[in-house]
């Protein structure tokens, strides 16, 4: 069995924070009637109202997708008059328009924003992180080898590990508005929401370098 050559091991890490550049919005719409399939986008009154409002804003109709329909019936029978909840995914390709899209959704009394899935251009960041980590590892290995009085011959083994750190945040920050002085007026809750999001790309490398005496 071939014995392992003389090696030194070094590790290096690089972090880079990137911002989301697009997002998927998941919305539920309470409908007063049941329409199945793609026809729901036009024939389900509450859904079509939301779609029309979004397309009027400039959202491409191809960016609005029906993902599912949940039927609500007390009798167990499926009727066209049965109420239904429609699940939609809205793709926001430019975050500059996100605030306006959120306004449109909030104006629809039957629509509820369930969550936002942030999207990133992360491949370039991971590649930059890997190259930077490799450069750090090589610089560290050269210093270690010089200190130990050995010569680096080449790479024996390399392990790369990449992971993301994305801070969780509340979709809706339930905050009570300041009390109003007018008698008989109930304060309305204020809903806060992030319209931009970041995450950190972590790239770690562990490298075993083959060495020999000078």
Protein backbone atom coordinates (compact mmCIF):
# COMPACT_ATOMS: atom_id res chain seq x y z
CA UNK A 1 0.00 0.00 0.00
CA UNK A 2 1.38 3.38 -1.03
CA UNK A 3 2.19 5.55 1.96
CA UNK A 4 0.94 9.09 2.21
CA UNK A 5 3.59 11.64 1.18
CA UNK A 6 4.78 14.38 3.50
CA UNK A 7 2.16 17.11 3.53
CA UNK A 8 1.11 20.30 5.24
CA UNK A 9 -2.54 21.23 5.61
CA UNK A 10 -3.92 24.76 5.45
CA UNK A 11 -7.45 26.12 5.41
CA UNK A 12 -8.83 29.44 4.25
CA UNK A 13 -12.23 31.10 4.19
CA UNK A 14 -13.85 33.93 2.28
CA UNK A 15 -17.21 35.61 2.92
CA UNK A 16 -19.13 37.89 0.60
CA UNK A 17 -22.49 39.53 1.24
CA UNK A 18 -24.79 39.80 -1.77
CA UNK A 19 -28.18 41.43 -2.25
CA UNK A 20 -31.26 39.82 -3.71
CA UNK A 21 -31.98 41.05 -7.24
CA UNK A 22 -35.41 39.45 -7.74
CA UNK A 23 -38.09 37.67 -5.74
CA UNK A 24 -41.00 35.25 -5.91
CA UNK A 25 -44.14 36.35 -4.05
CA UNK A 26 -46.54 33.65 -2.84
CA UNK A 27 -50.09 34.89 -2.53
CA UNK A 28 -53.40 33.28 -1.58
CA UNK A 29 -56.67 34.63 -2.91
CA UNK A 30 -60.04 33.81 -1.32
CA UNK A 31 -62.51 33.15 -4.13
CA UNK A 32 -66.31 33.04 -3.93
CA UNK A 33 -66.55 30.41 -6.69
CA UNK A 34 -64.63 27.37 -7.89
CA UNK A 35 -62.76 27.48 -11.20
CA UNK A 36 -60.11 24.88 -11.98
CA UNK A 37 -57.06 25.00 -14.22
CA UNK A 38 -55.64 28.02 -16.02
CA UNK A 39 -59.18 29.31 -16.56
CA UNK A 40 -59.13 30.49 -12.94
CA UNK A 41 -56.79 33.31 -13.91
CA UNK A 42 -59.60 34.88 -15.94
CA UNK A 43 -62.84 33.36 -14.68
CA UNK A 44 -62.33 33.39 -10.91
CA UNK A 45 -63.46 36.95 -10.13
CA UNK A 46 -61.11 37.67 -7.23
CA UNK A 47 -58.09 36.15 -9.02
CA UNK A 48 -58.75 37.98 -12.28
CA UNK A 49 -59.03 41.27 -10.38
CA UNK A 50 -55.58 40.76 -8.91
CA UNK A 51 -54.11 39.67 -12.25
CA UNK A 52 -55.57 42.71 -14.02
CA UNK A 53 -54.21 45.06 -11.36
CA UNK A 54 -50.74 43.51 -11.61
CA UNK A 55 -50.61 43.55 -15.40
CA UNK A 56 -51.82 47.17 -15.38
CA UNK A 57 -48.81 47.90 -13.21
CA UNK A 58 -46.52 46.34 -15.83
CA UNK A 59 -46.12 42.82 -14.47
CA UNK A 60 -45.91 40.30 -17.33
CA UNK A 61 -48.86 37.90 -17.27
CA UNK A 62 -46.34 35.07 -17.82
CA UNK A 63 -44.86 35.94 -14.41
CA UNK A 64 -48.11 35.09 -12.59
CA UNK A 65 -48.65 31.38 -12.00
CA UNK A 66 -51.53 29.42 -10.44
CA UNK A 67 -49.93 26.80 -8.19
CA UNK A 68 -52.97 25.20 -6.63
CA UNK A 69 -56.59 25.49 -5.55
CA UNK A 70 -57.98 24.55 -2.15
CA UNK A 71 -61.72 23.86 -2.06
CA UNK A 72 -63.79 24.84 0.93
CA UNK A 73 -67.14 23.06 1.24
CA UNK A 74 -69.21 22.02 4.24
CA UNK A 75 -71.40 19.48 2.42
CA UNK A 76 -68.64 17.46 0.81
CA UNK A 77 -70.11 18.07 -2.66
CA UNK A 78 -68.06 19.93 -5.26
CA UNK A 79 -70.13 22.75 -6.72
CA UNK A 80 -69.25 25.71 -8.91
CA UNK A 81 -70.56 27.87 -6.10
CA UNK A 82 -68.13 26.33 -3.60
CA UNK A 83 -65.64 28.83 -2.22
CA UNK A 84 -61.97 28.21 -2.96
CA UNK A 85 -58.55 29.51 -2.05
CA UNK A 86 -56.22 30.05 -4.99
CA UNK A 87 -52.45 29.87 -4.50
CA UNK A 88 -50.45 32.13 -6.81
CA UNK A 89 -46.76 32.73 -7.42
CA UNK A 90 -45.79 36.15 -8.74
CA UNK A 91 -42.28 36.55 -10.12
CA UNK A 92 -40.80 39.98 -9.51
CA UNK A 93 -37.79 40.30 -11.82
CA UNK A 94 -36.92 43.85 -10.78
CA UNK A 95 -36.99 44.75 -7.10
CA UNK A 96 -37.50 48.40 -8.03
CA UNK A 97 -41.14 47.48 -8.64
CA UNK A 98 -41.58 45.31 -5.52
CA UNK A 99 -43.08 48.04 -3.36
CA UNK A 100 -45.70 48.81 -6.01
CA UNK A 101 -46.57 45.12 -6.38
CA UNK A 102 -47.00 44.85 -2.61
CA UNK A 103 -49.32 47.86 -2.71
CA UNK A 104 -51.46 46.21 -5.39
CA UNK A 105 -51.71 42.98 -3.39
CA UNK A 106 -52.61 44.83 -0.19
CA UNK A 107 -55.38 46.70 -2.01
CA UNK A 108 -57.12 43.42 -2.89
CA UNK A 109 -59.26 42.61 0.14
CA UNK A 110 -59.32 38.87 -0.71
CA UNK A 111 -55.57 38.53 -1.32
CA UNK A 112 -52.94 37.70 1.29
CA UNK A 113 -49.18 37.70 0.83
CA UNK A 114 -47.94 34.52 2.50
CA UNK A 115 -44.19 34.82 1.98
CA UNK A 116 -41.39 36.15 -0.20
CA UNK A 117 -38.64 33.91 -1.62
CA UNK A 118 -35.59 36.04 -2.39
CA UNK A 119 -33.49 35.23 -5.47
CA UNK A 120 -29.82 36.02 -6.05
CA UNK A 121 -27.13 35.94 -8.73
CA UNK A 122 -24.98 33.72 -6.54
CA UNK A 123 -22.88 31.70 -8.99
CA UNK A 124 -20.50 34.60 -9.67
CA UNK A 125 -20.15 35.26 -5.93
CA UNK A 126 -19.33 31.61 -5.24
CA UNK A 127 -16.71 31.59 -8.01
CA UNK A 128 -15.10 34.77 -6.69
CA UNK A 129 -15.17 33.34 -3.18
CA UNK A 130 -13.46 30.13 -4.28
CA UNK A 131 -10.68 31.94 -6.15
CA UNK A 132 -10.09 34.28 -3.21
CA UNK A 133 -10.02 31.40 -0.70
CA UNK A 134 -7.54 29.50 -2.89
CA UNK A 135 -5.28 32.54 -3.07
CA UNK A 136 -5.42 32.93 0.71
CA UNK A 137 -4.61 29.23 1.18
CA UNK A 138 -1.64 29.41 -1.22
CA UNK A 139 -0.26 32.48 0.54
CA UNK A 140 -0.65 30.78 3.93
CA UNK A 141 0.99 27.58 2.66
CA UNK A 142 3.99 29.50 1.32
CA UNK A 143 4.51 31.16 4.71
CA UNK A 144 4.14 27.86 6.58
CA UNK A 145 6.57 26.09 4.25
CA UNK A 146 9.14 28.88 4.58
CA UNK A 147 8.88 28.83 8.36
CA UNK A 148 9.20 25.04 8.51
CA UNK A 149 12.08 24.94 6.05
CA UNK A 150 10.35 22.78 3.43
CA UNK A 151 9.50 23.16 -0.26
CA UNK A 152 6.00 22.87 -1.68
CA UNK A 153 5.83 20.30 -4.49
CA UNK A 154 2.12 20.48 -5.34
CA UNK A 155 -1.39 19.80 -4.09
CA UNK A 156 -2.11 16.37 -2.61
CA UNK A 157 -5.80 16.88 -1.77
CA UNK A 158 -8.40 19.65 -1.67
CA UNK A 159 -11.82 19.95 -0.08
CA UNK A 160 -14.18 22.83 -0.86
CA UNK A 161 -17.22 23.66 1.26
CA UNK A 162 -19.72 26.38 0.40
CA UNK A 163 -22.72 27.46 2.45
CA UNK A 164 -25.05 30.44 2.68
CA UNK A 165 -26.09 32.48 5.69
CA UNK A 166 -29.48 34.09 5.24
CA UNK A 167 -30.94 35.79 8.26
CA UNK A 168 -34.58 34.88 8.90
CA UNK A 169 -36.92 37.81 9.23
CA UNK A 170 -40.63 38.22 9.94
CA UNK A 171 -42.74 38.61 6.81
CA UNK A 172 -45.07 40.87 8.72
CA UNK A 173 -43.89 42.89 11.70
CA UNK A 174 -47.10 43.26 13.69
CA UNK A 175 -46.86 46.67 15.28
CA UNK A 176 -49.71 48.52 16.91
CA UNK A 177 -50.18 52.01 15.60
CA UNK A 178 -50.12 54.93 18.02
CA UNK A 179 -53.52 55.43 19.74
CA UNK A 180 -55.75 58.00 18.08
CA UNK A 181 -57.38 60.72 20.13
CA UNK A 182 -60.71 60.64 18.33
CA UNK A 183 -63.38 58.86 20.32
CA UNK A 184 -64.77 55.72 18.74
CA UNK A 185 -61.88 55.20 16.28
CA UNK A 186 -59.96 51.96 16.71
CA UNK A 187 -56.22 52.15 15.95
CA UNK A 188 -55.27 50.10 12.91
CA UNK A 189 -52.25 47.80 12.96
CA UNK A 190 -49.26 48.78 10.88
CA UNK A 191 -47.68 46.00 8.84
CA UNK A 192 -43.96 46.30 8.20
CA UNK A 193 -42.11 44.28 5.57
CA UNK A 194 -38.61 44.07 4.11
CA UNK A 195 -38.41 44.99 0.43
CA UNK A 196 -34.71 44.18 0.17
CA UNK A 197 -32.77 41.22 1.49
CA UNK A 198 -29.14 40.11 1.74
CA UNK A 199 -27.30 36.90 2.44
CA UNK A 200 -23.67 35.90 2.98
CA UNK A 201 -21.85 33.40 0.76
CA UNK A 202 -19.21 31.44 2.71
CA UNK A 203 -16.51 29.51 0.86
CA UNK A 204 -14.06 27.37 2.82
CA UNK A 205 -11.17 25.33 1.41
CA UNK A 206 -8.90 22.78 3.07
CA UNK A 207 -5.77 21.94 1.08
CA UNK A 208 -3.04 19.37 1.71
CA UNK A 209 0.21 20.39 0.00
CA UNK A 210 2.95 17.87 -0.77
CA UNK A 211 6.28 19.04 0.60
CA UNK A 212 9.89 17.94 0.69
CA UNK A 213 13.06 19.05 2.41
CA UNK A 214 14.93 21.93 0.86
